Amino acid sequence: QVQPVESGGGLVRPGDSLSLSCAASGGTFSGYTISWFRQLPGKEREFVAGRRWTGGSTYVADFAKERFTIVKDNAKMTLDLQMRNLKPEDTAVYYCAVGRPITSSMRNPESYYYWGEGTQVTVAS
């Protein structure tokens, strides 16, 4: 069983950049899809971006395409969510999820087996 562990959240100002990392604990990401989700206050969890650990395409939600990027770091064995020009409406708990969804189900939280505890990102002046 692989347990994703998020790191890198915090308080930033509007316009700042921030990078979150997702690392595997108790196993490896090999053979899995790893995705980032976020949950805004009072809202349901929503897909941000994801990719298969080995090969495959990267999928990014429409709202994130201009400002968010996911990067696989082979040295650290992490999947990083790089965010730039952050806005107050990006304030949320960001989660890393691991599973084996088919492509059409990547955006569905129920398609994932394992979830991290989440990391809070607060964008405020």
Foldseek 3Di string as FASTA:
>chain_A
DWAWAKDWADEAAAQAKTKMKIAIDPDALAPKKKFKWWADVPGDIWTAKIARLPDGDIDGDPVCVVFWDWDQDPVRRIIMIIGGRDDQRVFTWMKMFIAHDDPVCPGPPVRTDHIYPTHTHGYHD
